[in-house]
Amino acid sequence: MSVKREVYHSFSDSLLKTSKFFAKLSFNIELEYKNKKVPEEIKENNKSYVTGSIFSSVAFLESIINELFWSALKAPTGFARALNENLKNKMAKFLANFENRYNYMSTLEKYQFTLFLNGQDLFEKGKNPFQDVKLVIELRNELIHFEPEMIDAEKNKQTWEDQLRGEFNQCPFYKETFLFLPHRCLSYGCARWAVISCIKFVNDFYKKIGVNKIYDEDNINS
């Protein structure tokens, strides 16, 4: 009789490493060209790295919660082994019986629902880390589905500039006369903010559900 062997893999840690890697590339460019004339190709490279970091940061968020639910149902001794048995069983039953509903939930709804299943207080939507990570996701969505917009030349102001004011340093390669998005916004500071916001959110989530794994917020450029 043949024995069927099955394997699976987790990708969330790799996605986090990717987001940090792209952020580091942006850091290196902005440091190297500080107070220098910056070729257009270098400016575009920097935008690409920051965009990649934002995309990977949100993918890390999505992967964490999807891996937990999948493992709770399919491989309870795998990625979900750190969960308490009660929560693990509830997540498995929900996914087994309401997979279509799960698939229609947003990433943040999945996190909030997990806290609900565990009898925990939900993240407060108007406070961090929820507020920042929601902005990161919305920025990722804006970049993925990017559409040009007509801006008042005299005001030269976009909604995104108001939403993200004070969150990070803007790209040093562009003067204030350039649009905030996609020029001044896509900086190393933006990439670092995206990575750290997602890490803080996951760390707080883990603390709430009693998981000991904590991601380091301080080694983005190492």
N, C-alpha and C. Protein backbone atom coordinates (compact mmCIF):
# COMPACT_ATOMS: atom_id res chain seq x y z
N MET A 1 0.85 -1.19 0.00
CA MET A 1 0.00 0.00 0.00
C MET A 1 0.89 1.25 0.00
N SER A 2 0.63 2.15 -0.92
CA SER A 2 1.44 3.37 -0.99
C SER A 2 0.97 4.37 0.06
N VAL A 3 1.90 5.15 0.55
CA VAL A 3 1.60 6.17 1.55
C VAL A 3 1.66 7.54 0.88
N LYS A 4 0.58 8.29 1.03
CA LYS A 4 0.52 9.61 0.43
C LYS A 4 1.17 10.62 1.36
N ARG A 5 2.12 11.36 0.84
CA ARG A 5 2.79 12.39 1.62
C ARG A 5 2.41 13.76 1.08
N GLU A 6 2.11 14.68 1.99
CA GLU A 6 1.75 16.02 1.59
C GLU A 6 2.64 17.03 2.31
N VAL A 7 2.96 18.10 1.64
CA VAL A 7 3.76 19.16 2.25
C VAL A 7 3.08 20.50 1.99
N TYR A 8 3.40 21.48 2.79
CA TYR A 8 2.90 22.84 2.57
C TYR A 8 3.98 23.80 3.03
N HIS A 9 3.81 25.04 2.71
CA HIS A 9 4.83 26.01 3.08
C HIS A 9 4.18 27.32 3.53
N SER A 10 4.92 28.06 4.32
CA SER A 10 4.52 29.40 4.75
C SER A 10 5.35 30.41 3.97
N PHE A 11 4.73 31.55 3.63
CA PHE A 11 5.44 32.55 2.83
C PHE A 11 5.48 33.92 3.51
N SER A 12 4.82 34.05 4.65
CA SER A 12 4.69 35.36 5.29
C SER A 12 6.05 35.94 5.69
N ASP A 13 6.92 35.11 6.26
CA ASP A 13 8.24 35.62 6.66
C ASP A 13 9.05 36.09 5.46
N SER A 14 8.94 35.38 4.35
CA SER A 14 9.66 35.78 3.13
C SER A 14 9.14 37.11 2.61
N LEU A 15 7.83 37.32 2.70
CA LEU A 15 7.26 38.59 2.24
C LEU A 15 7.73 39.75 3.10
N LEU A 16 7.85 39.52 4.41
CA LEU A 16 8.36 40.57 5.29
C LEU A 16 9.82 40.89 4.95
N LYS A 17 10.62 39.86 4.70
CA LYS A 17 12.02 40.07 4.31
C LYS A 17 12.09 40.86 3.00
N THR A 18 11.18 40.56 2.09
CA THR A 18 11.13 41.27 0.81
C THR A 18 10.84 42.75 1.02
N SER A 19 9.86 43.04 1.87
CA SER A 19 9.50 44.44 2.12
C SER A 19 10.66 45.19 2.76
N LYS A 20 11.39 44.55 3.66
CA LYS A 20 12.56 45.18 4.28
C LYS A 20 13.69 45.35 3.27
N PHE A 21 13.85 44.37 2.39
CA PHE A 21 14.90 44.42 1.38
C PHE A 21 14.70 45.61 0.45
N PHE A 22 13.48 45.79 -0.04
CA PHE A 22 13.19 46.91 -0.92
C PHE A 22 13.36 48.25 -0.19
N ALA A 23 12.95 48.29 1.08
CA ALA A 23 13.13 49.52 1.86
C ALA A 23 14.61 49.86 1.99
N LYS A 24 15.43 48.83 2.19
CA LYS A 24 16.87 49.06 2.32
C LYS A 24 17.46 49.59 1.02
N LEU A 25 17.00 49.07 -0.11
CA LEU A 25 17.49 49.57 -1.41
C LEU A 25 17.16 51.04 -1.57
N SER A 26 15.97 51.43 -1.16
CA SER A 26 15.60 52.85 -1.23
C SER A 26 16.46 53.68 -0.29
N PHE A 27 16.70 53.18 0.90
CA PHE A 27 17.56 53.87 1.86
C PHE A 27 18.95 54.12 1.26
N ASN A 28 19.50 53.10 0.62
CA ASN A 28 20.84 53.20 0.03
C ASN A 28 20.88 54.25 -1.08
N ILE A 29 19.85 54.29 -1.91
CA ILE A 29 19.81 55.27 -3.00
C ILE A 29 19.72 56.69 -2.46
N GLU A 30 18.82 56.91 -1.52
CA GLU A 30 18.64 58.27 -1.00
C GLU A 30 19.87 58.74 -0.23
N LEU A 31 20.59 57.80 0.38
CA LEU A 31 21.82 58.15 1.07
C LEU A 31 22.93 58.46 0.07
N GLU A 32 23.05 57.63 -0.95
CA GLU A 32 24.12 57.80 -1.94
C GLU A 32 23.97 59.11 -2.71
N TYR A 33 22.74 59.50 -3.02
CA TYR A 33 22.52 60.67 -3.86
C TYR A 33 22.10 61.90 -3.05
N LYS A 34 22.37 61.87 -1.78
CA LYS A 34 22.07 63.03 -0.95
C LYS A 34 22.95 64.20 -1.40
N ASN A 35 22.33 65.33 -1.68
CA ASN A 35 23.03 66.53 -2.12
C ASN A 35 23.74 66.36 -3.46
N LYS A 36 23.27 65.42 -4.27
CA LYS A 36 23.82 65.21 -5.61
C LYS A 36 22.70 65.35 -6.65
N LYS A 37 23.11 65.59 -7.89
CA LYS A 37 22.15 65.57 -8.97
C LYS A 37 21.73 64.13 -9.21
N VAL A 38 20.43 63.90 -9.27
CA VAL A 38 19.92 62.53 -9.35
C VAL A 38 19.39 62.25 -10.76
N PRO A 39 19.97 61.28 -11.46
CA PRO A 39 19.46 60.91 -12.79
C PRO A 39 18.03 60.41 -12.70
N GLU A 40 17.27 60.60 -13.76
CA GLU A 40 15.87 60.17 -13.77
C GLU A 40 15.74 58.67 -13.54
N GLU A 41 16.67 57.90 -14.08
CA GLU A 41 16.62 56.45 -13.90
C GLU A 41 16.71 56.07 -12.42
N ILE A 42 17.55 56.79 -11.67
CA ILE A 42 17.69 56.52 -10.24
C ILE A 42 16.41 56.89 -9.50
N LYS A 43 15.80 57.99 -9.89
CA LYS A 43 14.53 58.38 -9.28
C LYS A 43 13.47 57.31 -9.49
N GLU A 44 13.42 56.78 -10.70
CA GLU A 44 12.44 55.74 -11.01
C GLU A 44 12.75 54.45 -10.25
N ASN A 45 14.03 54.13 -10.13
CA ASN A 45 14.41 52.95 -9.35
C ASN A 45 13.94 53.08 -7.91
N ASN A 46 14.12 54.27 -7.36
CA ASN A 46 13.73 54.50 -5.98
C ASN A 46 12.21 54.31 -5.81
N LYS A 47 11.44 54.86 -6.75
CA LYS A 47 9.99 54.67 -6.71
C LYS A 47 9.64 53.19 -6.76
N SER A 48 10.35 52.45 -7.59
CA SER A 48 10.07 51.01 -7.73
C SER A 48 10.33 50.28 -6.42
N TYR A 49 11.43 50.61 -5.76
CA TYR A 49 11.76 49.94 -4.51
C TYR A 49 10.73 50.25 -3.42
N VAL A 50 10.33 51.51 -3.34
CA VAL A 50 9.35 51.90 -2.33
C VAL A 50 8.01 51.22 -2.61
N THR A 51 7.60 51.22 -3.88
CA THR A 51 6.36 50.57 -4.26
C THR A 51 6.40 49.08 -3.92
N GLY A 52 7.53 48.44 -4.23
CA GLY A 52 7.70 47.02 -3.91
C GLY A 52 7.62 46.76 -2.42
N SER A 53 8.18 47.67 -1.63
CA SER A 53 8.14 47.51 -0.18
C SER A 53 6.72 47.63 0.35
N ILE A 54 5.96 48.58 -0.17
CA ILE A 54 4.56 48.74 0.24
C ILE A 54 3.75 47.51 -0.14
N PHE A 55 3.90 47.04 -1.37
CA PHE A 55 3.16 45.86 -1.82
C PHE A 55 3.48 44.65 -0.95
N SER A 56 4.75 44.44 -0.68
CA SER A 56 5.16 43.26 0.10
C SER A 56 4.73 43.37 1.55
N SER A 57 4.70 44.58 2.08
CA SER A 57 4.25 44.77 3.47
C SER A 57 2.80 44.34 3.63
N VAL A 58 1.95 44.76 2.69
CA VAL A 58 0.54 44.39 2.76
C VAL A 58 0.36 42.91 2.47
N ALA A 59 1.15 42.36 1.55
CA ALA A 59 1.09 40.93 1.26
C ALA A 59 1.48 40.12 2.51
N PHE A 60 2.43 40.63 3.29
CA PHE A 60 2.82 40.00 4.56
C PHE A 60 1.62 39.95 5.51
N LEU A 61 0.90 41.05 5.62
CA LEU A 61 -0.30 41.10 6.46
C LEU A 61 -1.33 40.06 6.01
N GLU A 62 -1.58 40.03 4.72
CA GLU A 62 -2.58 39.11 4.18
C GLU A 62 -2.16 37.66 4.38
N SER A 63 -0.88 37.40 4.18
CA SER A 63 -0.37 36.04 4.29
C SER A 63 -0.46 35.52 5.73
N ILE A 64 -0.14 36.35 6.71
CA ILE A 64 -0.19 35.92 8.11
C ILE A 64 -1.56 35.37 8.47
N ILE A 65 -2.61 36.14 8.22
CA ILE A 65 -3.94 35.73 8.66
C ILE A 65 -4.47 34.57 7.82
N ASN A 66 -4.16 34.56 6.52
CA ASN A 66 -4.60 33.45 5.68
C ASN A 66 -3.91 32.15 6.07
N GLU A 67 -2.64 32.22 6.39
CA GLU A 67 -1.90 31.03 6.81
C GLU A 67 -2.43 30.48 8.14
N LEU A 68 -2.80 31.37 9.04
CA LEU A 68 -3.34 30.94 10.33
C LEU A 68 -4.66 30.18 10.14
N PHE A 69 -5.57 30.75 9.35
CA PHE A 69 -6.86 30.09 9.13
C PHE A 69 -6.67 28.76 8.39
N TRP A 70 -5.86 28.79 7.35
CA TRP A 70 -5.64 27.57 6.57
C TRP A 70 -5.03 26.47 7.44
N SER A 71 -4.02 26.84 8.21
CA SER A 71 -3.35 25.86 9.06
C SER A 71 -4.28 25.33 10.15
N ALA A 72 -5.13 26.19 10.70
CA ALA A 72 -6.07 25.75 11.73
C ALA A 72 -6.97 24.64 11.20
N LEU A 73 -7.32 24.72 9.92
CA LEU A 73 -8.19 23.72 9.32
C LEU A 73 -7.42 22.53 8.75
N LYS A 74 -6.35 22.81 8.03
CA LYS A 74 -5.67 21.77 7.26
C LYS A 74 -4.45 21.15 7.95
N ALA A 75 -3.76 21.95 8.74
CA ALA A 75 -2.51 21.48 9.36
C ALA A 75 -2.37 22.10 10.75
N PRO A 76 -3.20 21.68 11.71
CA PRO A 76 -3.23 22.32 13.04
C PRO A 76 -1.93 22.24 13.83
N THR A 77 -1.03 21.33 13.44
CA THR A 77 0.27 21.26 14.13
C THR A 77 1.33 22.08 13.41
N GLY A 78 0.90 22.80 12.36
CA GLY A 78 1.83 23.62 11.58
C GLY A 78 1.83 25.06 12.03
N PHE A 79 1.53 25.97 11.09
CA PHE A 79 1.61 27.40 11.35
C PHE A 79 0.70 27.83 12.50
N ALA A 80 -0.43 27.11 12.67
CA ALA A 80 -1.41 27.48 13.70
C ALA A 80 -1.12 26.85 15.06
N ARG A 81 0.00 26.14 15.18
CA ARG A 81 0.27 25.43 16.43
C ARG A 81 0.42 26.37 17.62
N ALA A 82 0.77 27.64 17.37
CA ALA A 82 0.95 28.59 18.47
C ALA A 82 -0.38 29.09 19.03
N LEU A 83 -1.49 28.80 18.34
CA LEU A 83 -2.80 29.26 18.80
C LEU A 83 -3.32 28.38 19.92
N ASN A 84 -4.13 28.95 20.80
CA ASN A 84 -4.77 28.10 21.81
C ASN A 84 -5.80 27.21 21.11
N GLU A 85 -6.08 26.06 21.70
CA GLU A 85 -6.92 25.05 21.04
C GLU A 85 -8.33 25.56 20.76
N ASN A 86 -8.88 26.35 21.66
CA ASN A 86 -10.23 26.85 21.47
C ASN A 86 -10.31 27.75 20.23
N LEU A 87 -9.36 28.69 20.11
CA LEU A 87 -9.34 29.58 18.95
C LEU A 87 -9.07 28.80 17.67
N LYS A 88 -8.13 27.89 17.73
CA LYS A 88 -7.78 27.09 16.55
C LYS A 88 -9.00 26.34 16.03
N ASN A 89 -9.76 25.72 16.93
CA ASN A 89 -10.95 24.96 16.53
C ASN A 89 -12.02 25.86 15.94
N LYS A 90 -12.21 27.03 16.53
CA LYS A 90 -13.22 27.97 16.01
C LYS A 90 -12.85 28.47 14.62
N MET A 91 -11.56 28.77 14.41
CA MET A 91 -11.11 29.22 13.09
C MET A 91 -11.29 28.12 12.05
N ALA A 92 -10.95 26.89 12.43
CA ALA A 92 -11.08 25.76 11.52
C ALA A 92 -12.54 25.52 11.13
N LYS A 93 -13.43 25.56 12.11
CA LYS A 93 -14.85 25.33 11.84
C LYS A 93 -15.42 26.43 10.96
N PHE A 94 -15.02 27.67 11.23
CA PHE A 94 -15.54 28.77 10.42
C PHE A 94 -15.10 28.63 8.97
N LEU A 95 -13.81 28.34 8.75
CA LEU A 95 -13.31 28.23 7.38
C LEU A 95 -13.93 27.02 6.68
N ALA A 96 -14.14 25.94 7.40
CA ALA A 96 -14.72 24.74 6.80
C ALA A 96 -16.17 24.96 6.37
N ASN A 97 -16.90 25.76 7.13
CA ASN A 97 -18.33 25.93 6.88
C ASN A 97 -18.69 27.22 6.13
N PHE A 98 -17.79 28.20 6.19
CA PHE A 98 -18.11 29.50 5.60
C PHE A 98 -16.94 30.04 4.77
N GLU A 99 -16.37 29.17 3.95
CA GLU A 99 -15.19 29.58 3.17
C GLU A 99 -15.50 30.74 2.24
N ASN A 100 -16.66 30.72 1.60
CA ASN A 100 -17.02 31.81 0.68
C ASN A 100 -17.13 33.13 1.43
N ARG A 101 -17.72 33.10 2.61
CA ARG A 101 -17.84 34.32 3.41
C ARG A 101 -16.46 34.81 3.82
N TYR A 102 -15.59 33.87 4.19
CA TYR A 102 -14.22 34.23 4.57
C TYR A 102 -13.51 34.93 3.41
N ASN A 103 -13.68 34.39 2.21
CA ASN A 103 -12.99 34.94 1.05
C ASN A 103 -13.44 36.35 0.70
N TYR A 104 -14.64 36.72 1.12
CA TYR A 104 -15.15 38.06 0.86
C TYR A 104 -14.79 39.07 1.95
N MET A 105 -14.22 38.58 3.03
CA MET A 105 -13.83 39.49 4.11
C MET A 105 -12.54 40.21 3.73
N SER A 106 -12.41 41.48 4.13
CA SER A 106 -11.16 42.20 3.91
C SER A 106 -10.10 41.66 4.87
N THR A 107 -8.86 41.99 4.60
CA THR A 107 -7.78 41.53 5.47
C THR A 107 -7.98 41.99 6.91
N LEU A 108 -8.32 43.25 7.11
CA LEU A 108 -8.50 43.74 8.47
C LEU A 108 -9.73 43.14 9.13
N GLU A 109 -10.76 42.84 8.35
CA GLU A 109 -11.93 42.16 8.91
C GLU A 109 -11.56 40.77 9.41
N LYS A 110 -10.67 40.09 8.70
CA LYS A 110 -10.23 38.76 9.13
C LYS A 110 -9.50 38.83 10.47
N TYR A 111 -8.66 39.84 10.64
CA TYR A 111 -7.96 40.02 11.92
C TYR A 111 -8.96 40.32 13.03
N GLN A 112 -9.87 41.24 12.77
CA GLN A 112 -10.86 41.62 13.78
C GLN A 112 -11.75 40.42 14.14
N PHE A 113 -12.14 39.64 13.16
CA PHE A 113 -12.99 38.48 13.40
C PHE A 113 -12.26 37.43 14.25
N THR A 114 -10.97 37.28 14.03
CA THR A 114 -10.19 36.34 14.83
C THR A 114 -10.18 36.77 16.29
N LEU A 115 -10.02 38.07 16.53
CA LEU A 115 -10.07 38.57 17.91
C LEU A 115 -11.44 38.32 18.52
N PHE A 116 -12.49 38.50 17.73
CA PHE A 116 -13.85 38.24 18.19
C PHE A 116 -14.00 36.77 18.58
N LEU A 117 -13.51 35.86 17.74
CA LEU A 117 -13.59 34.43 18.04
C LEU A 117 -12.87 34.08 19.33
N ASN A 118 -11.80 34.83 19.61
CA ASN A 118 -10.99 34.55 20.81
C ASN A 118 -11.50 35.31 22.04
N GLY A 119 -12.58 36.06 21.88
CA GLY A 119 -13.13 36.80 23.00
C GLY A 119 -12.30 38.01 23.41
N GLN A 120 -11.53 38.55 22.44
CA GLN A 120 -10.67 39.71 22.72
C GLN A 120 -11.32 41.00 22.27
N ASP A 121 -10.88 42.10 22.87
CA ASP A 121 -11.30 43.41 22.37
C ASP A 121 -10.75 43.61 20.96
N LEU A 122 -11.56 44.18 20.09
CA LEU A 122 -11.11 44.44 18.73
C LEU A 122 -10.17 45.63 18.71
N PHE A 123 -9.39 45.76 17.62
CA PHE A 123 -8.59 46.95 17.42
C PHE A 123 -9.51 48.16 17.31
N GLU A 124 -9.12 49.26 17.91
CA GLU A 124 -9.88 50.49 17.76
C GLU A 124 -9.54 51.12 16.41
N LYS A 125 -10.55 51.34 15.59
CA LYS A 125 -10.32 51.77 14.22
C LYS A 125 -9.71 53.16 14.11
N GLY A 126 -9.95 54.01 15.09
CA GLY A 126 -9.44 55.37 15.02
C GLY A 126 -8.08 55.55 15.65
N LYS A 127 -7.47 54.45 16.11
CA LYS A 127 -6.18 54.54 16.78
C LYS A 127 -5.17 53.59 16.14
N ASN A 128 -3.90 53.84 16.41
CA ASN A 128 -2.86 52.92 15.94
C ASN A 128 -2.78 51.72 16.86
N PRO A 129 -2.41 50.54 16.33
CA PRO A 129 -1.81 50.36 14.99
C PRO A 129 -2.81 50.21 13.85
N PHE A 130 -4.11 50.14 14.18
CA PHE A 130 -5.11 49.90 13.14
C PHE A 130 -5.14 51.03 12.11
N GLN A 131 -5.11 52.26 12.58
CA GLN A 131 -5.26 53.41 11.69
C GLN A 131 -4.14 53.47 10.66
N ASP A 132 -2.89 53.29 11.09
CA ASP A 132 -1.77 53.36 10.15
C ASP A 132 -1.80 52.21 9.15
N VAL A 133 -2.10 51.01 9.64
CA VAL A 133 -2.07 49.87 8.73
C VAL A 133 -3.22 49.97 7.71
N LYS A 134 -4.32 50.57 8.10
CA LYS A 134 -5.42 50.81 7.15
C LYS A 134 -4.95 51.77 6.06
N LEU A 135 -4.19 52.79 6.44
CA LEU A 135 -3.65 53.73 5.46
C LEU A 135 -2.67 53.05 4.51
N VAL A 136 -1.83 52.16 5.05
CA VAL A 136 -0.88 51.42 4.21
C VAL A 136 -1.63 50.60 3.17
N ILE A 137 -2.68 49.92 3.60
CA ILE A 137 -3.46 49.11 2.67
C ILE A 137 -4.12 49.98 1.61
N GLU A 138 -4.67 51.11 2.03
CA GLU A 138 -5.32 52.01 1.07
C GLU A 138 -4.32 52.59 0.08
N LEU A 139 -3.11 52.89 0.56
CA LEU A 139 -2.07 53.39 -0.34
C LEU A 139 -1.67 52.31 -1.33
N ARG A 140 -1.53 51.08 -0.84
CA ARG A 140 -1.22 49.96 -1.75
C ARG A 140 -2.30 49.83 -2.82
N ASN A 141 -3.56 49.91 -2.42
CA ASN A 141 -4.66 49.80 -3.37
C ASN A 141 -4.64 50.94 -4.39
N GLU A 142 -4.31 52.13 -3.91
CA GLU A 142 -4.22 53.29 -4.81
C GLU A 142 -3.14 53.09 -5.87
N LEU A 143 -2.02 52.52 -5.46
CA LEU A 143 -0.92 52.29 -6.39
C LEU A 143 -1.22 51.16 -7.37
N ILE A 144 -1.88 50.11 -6.88
CA ILE A 144 -2.21 48.99 -7.75
C ILE A 144 -3.23 49.41 -8.81
N HIS A 145 -4.21 50.21 -8.39
CA HIS A 145 -5.27 50.64 -9.29
C HIS A 145 -5.10 52.12 -9.66
N PHE A 146 -3.87 52.51 -9.86
CA PHE A 146 -3.56 53.93 -10.05
C PHE A 146 -4.30 54.54 -11.23
N GLU A 147 -4.90 55.67 -10.98
CA GLU A 147 -5.55 56.45 -12.04
C GLU A 147 -5.09 57.90 -11.92
N PRO A 148 -4.74 58.54 -13.03
CA PRO A 148 -4.36 59.96 -12.98
C PRO A 148 -5.54 60.80 -12.49
N GLU A 149 -5.24 61.93 -11.90
CA GLU A 149 -6.30 62.85 -11.48
C GLU A 149 -5.90 64.27 -11.83
N MET A 150 -6.90 65.10 -12.07
CA MET A 150 -6.65 66.50 -12.40
C MET A 150 -6.51 67.29 -11.10
N ILE A 151 -5.39 67.99 -10.95
CA ILE A 151 -5.09 68.73 -9.72
C ILE A 151 -5.10 70.23 -10.02
N ASP A 152 -5.65 71.00 -9.11
CA ASP A 152 -5.62 72.46 -9.21
C ASP A 152 -4.16 72.91 -9.17
N ALA A 153 -3.68 73.51 -10.23
CA ALA A 153 -2.26 73.86 -10.34
C ALA A 153 -1.82 74.84 -9.26
N GLU A 154 -2.71 75.70 -8.81
CA GLU A 154 -2.34 76.69 -7.80
C GLU A 154 -2.28 76.05 -6.41
N LYS A 155 -3.24 75.20 -6.11
CA LYS A 155 -3.24 74.55 -4.79
C LYS A 155 -2.22 73.41 -4.73
N ASN A 156 -2.07 72.69 -5.86
CA ASN A 156 -1.11 71.58 -5.95
C ASN A 156 -1.22 70.66 -4.73
N LYS A 157 -2.43 70.30 -4.39
CA LYS A 157 -2.68 69.53 -3.17
C LYS A 157 -3.52 68.31 -3.48
N GLN A 158 -3.16 67.18 -2.91
CA GLN A 158 -3.93 65.96 -3.06
C GLN A 158 -4.43 65.49 -1.70
N THR A 159 -5.50 64.73 -1.73
CA THR A 159 -6.06 64.19 -0.48
C THR A 159 -5.03 63.36 0.27
N TRP A 160 -4.24 62.61 -0.48
CA TRP A 160 -3.25 61.75 0.16
C TRP A 160 -2.25 62.54 0.99
N GLU A 161 -1.93 63.74 0.54
CA GLU A 161 -0.97 64.56 1.28
C GLU A 161 -1.51 64.92 2.66
N ASP A 162 -2.80 65.19 2.74
CA ASP A 162 -3.42 65.48 4.04
C ASP A 162 -3.46 64.24 4.92
N GLN A 163 -3.75 63.10 4.33
CA GLN A 163 -3.87 61.87 5.10
C GLN A 163 -2.53 61.40 5.67
N LEU A 164 -1.45 61.64 4.93
CA LEU A 164 -0.15 61.10 5.34
C LEU A 164 0.80 62.15 5.90
N ARG A 165 0.30 63.37 6.08
CA ARG A 165 1.16 64.43 6.60
C ARG A 165 1.73 64.04 7.96
N GLY A 166 3.05 64.14 8.08
CA GLY A 166 3.72 63.87 9.34
C GLY A 166 4.04 62.41 9.60
N GLU A 167 3.62 61.52 8.71
CA GLU A 167 3.88 60.09 8.93
C GLU A 167 5.33 59.72 8.59
N PHE A 168 5.94 60.42 7.62
CA PHE A 168 7.29 60.05 7.19
C PHE A 168 7.89 61.21 6.40
N ASN A 169 9.21 61.16 6.20
CA ASN A 169 9.91 62.15 5.37
C ASN A 169 9.64 61.87 3.90
N GLN A 170 9.43 62.93 3.14
CA GLN A 170 9.14 62.78 1.73
C GLN A 170 10.44 62.54 0.94
N CYS A 171 10.27 62.15 -0.31
CA CYS A 171 11.42 61.85 -1.15
C CYS A 171 12.25 63.12 -1.39
N PRO A 172 13.54 63.10 -1.09
CA PRO A 172 14.37 64.30 -1.24
C PRO A 172 14.68 64.64 -2.70
N PHE A 173 14.30 63.78 -3.62
CA PHE A 173 14.61 64.02 -5.03
C PHE A 173 13.62 64.95 -5.72
N TYR A 174 12.53 65.31 -5.03
CA TYR A 174 11.48 66.11 -5.67
C TYR A 174 11.17 67.34 -4.83
N LYS A 175 11.04 68.46 -5.50
CA LYS A 175 10.69 69.71 -4.83
C LYS A 175 9.19 69.73 -4.53
N GLU A 176 8.79 70.71 -3.73
CA GLU A 176 7.39 70.83 -3.33
C GLU A 176 6.46 71.05 -4.52
N THR A 177 7.00 71.51 -5.64
CA THR A 177 6.17 71.76 -6.81
C THR A 177 5.69 70.45 -7.47
N PHE A 178 6.35 69.34 -7.15
CA PHE A 178 5.94 68.05 -7.69
C PHE A 178 4.76 67.50 -6.89
N LEU A 179 3.91 66.74 -7.55
CA LEU A 179 2.77 66.14 -6.87
C LEU A 179 3.23 65.20 -5.76
N PHE A 180 2.42 65.14 -4.71
CA PHE A 180 2.74 64.26 -3.58
C PHE A 180 2.77 62.80 -4.02
N LEU A 181 1.73 62.39 -4.74
CA LEU A 181 1.67 61.03 -5.26
C LEU A 181 1.55 61.09 -6.77
N PRO A 182 2.46 60.44 -7.50
CA PRO A 182 3.39 59.40 -7.07
C PRO A 182 4.84 59.85 -6.87
N HIS A 183 5.10 61.14 -6.66
CA HIS A 183 6.49 61.59 -6.60
C HIS A 183 7.02 61.73 -5.17
N ARG A 184 6.62 62.77 -4.46
CA ARG A 184 7.20 63.05 -3.14
C ARG A 184 6.87 61.98 -2.11
N CYS A 185 5.74 61.32 -2.30
CA CYS A 185 5.29 60.31 -1.33
C CYS A 185 6.18 59.08 -1.30
N LEU A 186 6.64 58.65 -2.47
CA LEU A 186 7.34 57.37 -2.57
C LEU A 186 8.81 57.53 -2.20
N SER A 187 9.05 57.53 -0.91
CA SER A 187 10.38 57.74 -0.34
C SER A 187 10.77 56.55 0.54
N TYR A 188 12.04 56.54 0.94
CA TYR A 188 12.46 55.53 1.92
C TYR A 188 11.63 55.66 3.18
N GLY A 189 11.34 56.90 3.59
CA GLY A 189 10.54 57.11 4.79
C GLY A 189 9.18 56.45 4.68
N CYS A 190 8.58 56.51 3.48
CA CYS A 190 7.29 55.88 3.25
C CYS A 190 7.40 54.37 3.35
N ALA A 191 8.44 53.81 2.73
CA ALA A 191 8.65 52.35 2.79
C ALA A 191 8.84 51.90 4.23
N ARG A 192 9.67 52.62 4.98
CA ARG A 192 9.93 52.25 6.37
C ARG A 192 8.65 52.34 7.20
N TRP A 193 7.87 53.38 6.97
CA TRP A 193 6.60 53.55 7.68
C TRP A 193 5.66 52.38 7.38
N ALA A 194 5.60 51.97 6.12
CA ALA A 194 4.72 50.85 5.74
C ALA A 194 5.14 49.56 6.42
N VAL A 195 6.43 49.27 6.39
CA VAL A 195 6.94 48.04 7.01
C VAL A 195 6.67 48.04 8.51
N ILE A 196 7.05 49.11 9.19
CA ILE A 196 6.91 49.17 10.64
C ILE A 196 5.44 49.15 11.05
N SER A 197 4.58 49.84 10.30
CA SER A 197 3.15 49.84 10.62
C SER A 197 2.58 48.43 10.58
N CYS A 198 2.97 47.66 9.57
CA CYS A 198 2.46 46.29 9.44
C CYS A 198 3.04 45.38 10.52
N ILE A 199 4.30 45.57 10.84
CA ILE A 199 4.92 44.77 11.90
C ILE A 199 4.25 45.05 13.25
N LYS A 200 4.04 46.32 13.56
CA LYS A 200 3.41 46.68 14.84
C LYS A 200 2.00 46.10 14.94
N PHE A 201 1.28 46.14 13.84
CA PHE A 201 -0.07 45.59 13.84
C PHE A 201 -0.06 44.10 14.12
N VAL A 202 0.80 43.36 13.42
CA VAL A 202 0.88 41.91 13.62
C VAL A 202 1.36 41.59 15.04
N ASN A 203 2.35 42.34 15.52
CA ASN A 203 2.84 42.10 16.89
C ASN A 203 1.72 42.31 17.92
N ASP A 204 0.95 43.37 17.76
CA ASP A 204 -0.16 43.63 18.68
C ASP A 204 -1.23 42.54 18.57
N PHE A 205 -1.49 42.10 17.35
CA PHE A 205 -2.45 41.02 17.14
C PHE A 205 -2.00 39.75 17.84
N TYR A 206 -0.73 39.41 17.67
CA TYR A 206 -0.20 38.21 18.32
C TYR A 206 -0.30 38.31 19.84
N LYS A 207 0.01 39.47 20.38
CA LYS A 207 -0.10 39.64 21.83
C LYS A 207 -1.53 39.41 22.30
N LYS A 208 -2.50 39.91 21.54
CA LYS A 208 -3.90 39.78 21.91
C LYS A 208 -4.35 38.32 21.94
N ILE A 209 -3.83 37.50 21.01
CA ILE A 209 -4.27 36.10 20.95
C ILE A 209 -3.28 35.15 21.62
N GLY A 210 -2.26 35.72 22.28
CA GLY A 210 -1.36 34.89 23.07
C GLY A 210 -0.28 34.16 22.32
N VAL A 211 0.11 34.68 21.15
CA VAL A 211 1.21 34.08 20.38
C VAL A 211 2.50 34.80 20.74
N ASN A 212 3.54 34.06 21.01
CA ASN A 212 4.80 34.64 21.50
C ASN A 212 5.69 35.22 20.40
N LYS A 213 5.46 34.84 19.15
CA LYS A 213 6.35 35.30 18.08
C LYS A 213 6.23 36.81 17.90
N ILE A 214 7.35 37.50 17.96
CA ILE A 214 7.38 38.94 17.79
C ILE A 214 8.37 39.30 16.67
N TYR A 215 7.93 40.13 15.76
CA TYR A 215 8.80 40.57 14.66
C TYR A 215 9.57 41.81 15.06
N ASP A 216 10.84 41.87 14.65
CA ASP A 216 11.72 42.98 15.00
C ASP A 216 11.41 44.20 14.15
N GLU A 217 11.21 45.33 14.79
CA GLU A 217 10.91 46.58 14.08
C GLU A 217 12.17 47.38 13.77
N ASP A 218 13.33 46.99 14.31
CA ASP A 218 14.50 47.86 14.29
C ASP A 218 15.61 47.43 13.33
N ASN A 219 15.37 46.40 12.52
CA ASN A 219 16.48 45.92 11.69
C ASN A 219 16.19 46.05 10.20
N ILE A 220 15.44 47.09 9.83
CA ILE A 220 15.05 47.25 8.42
C ILE A 220 16.26 47.50 7.52
N ASN A 221 17.25 48.22 8.03
CA ASN A 221 18.41 48.56 7.19
C ASN A 221 19.63 47.69 7.47
N SER A 222 19.45 46.64 8.26
CA SER A 222 20.61 45.77 8.57
C SER A 222 20.72 44.64 7.57
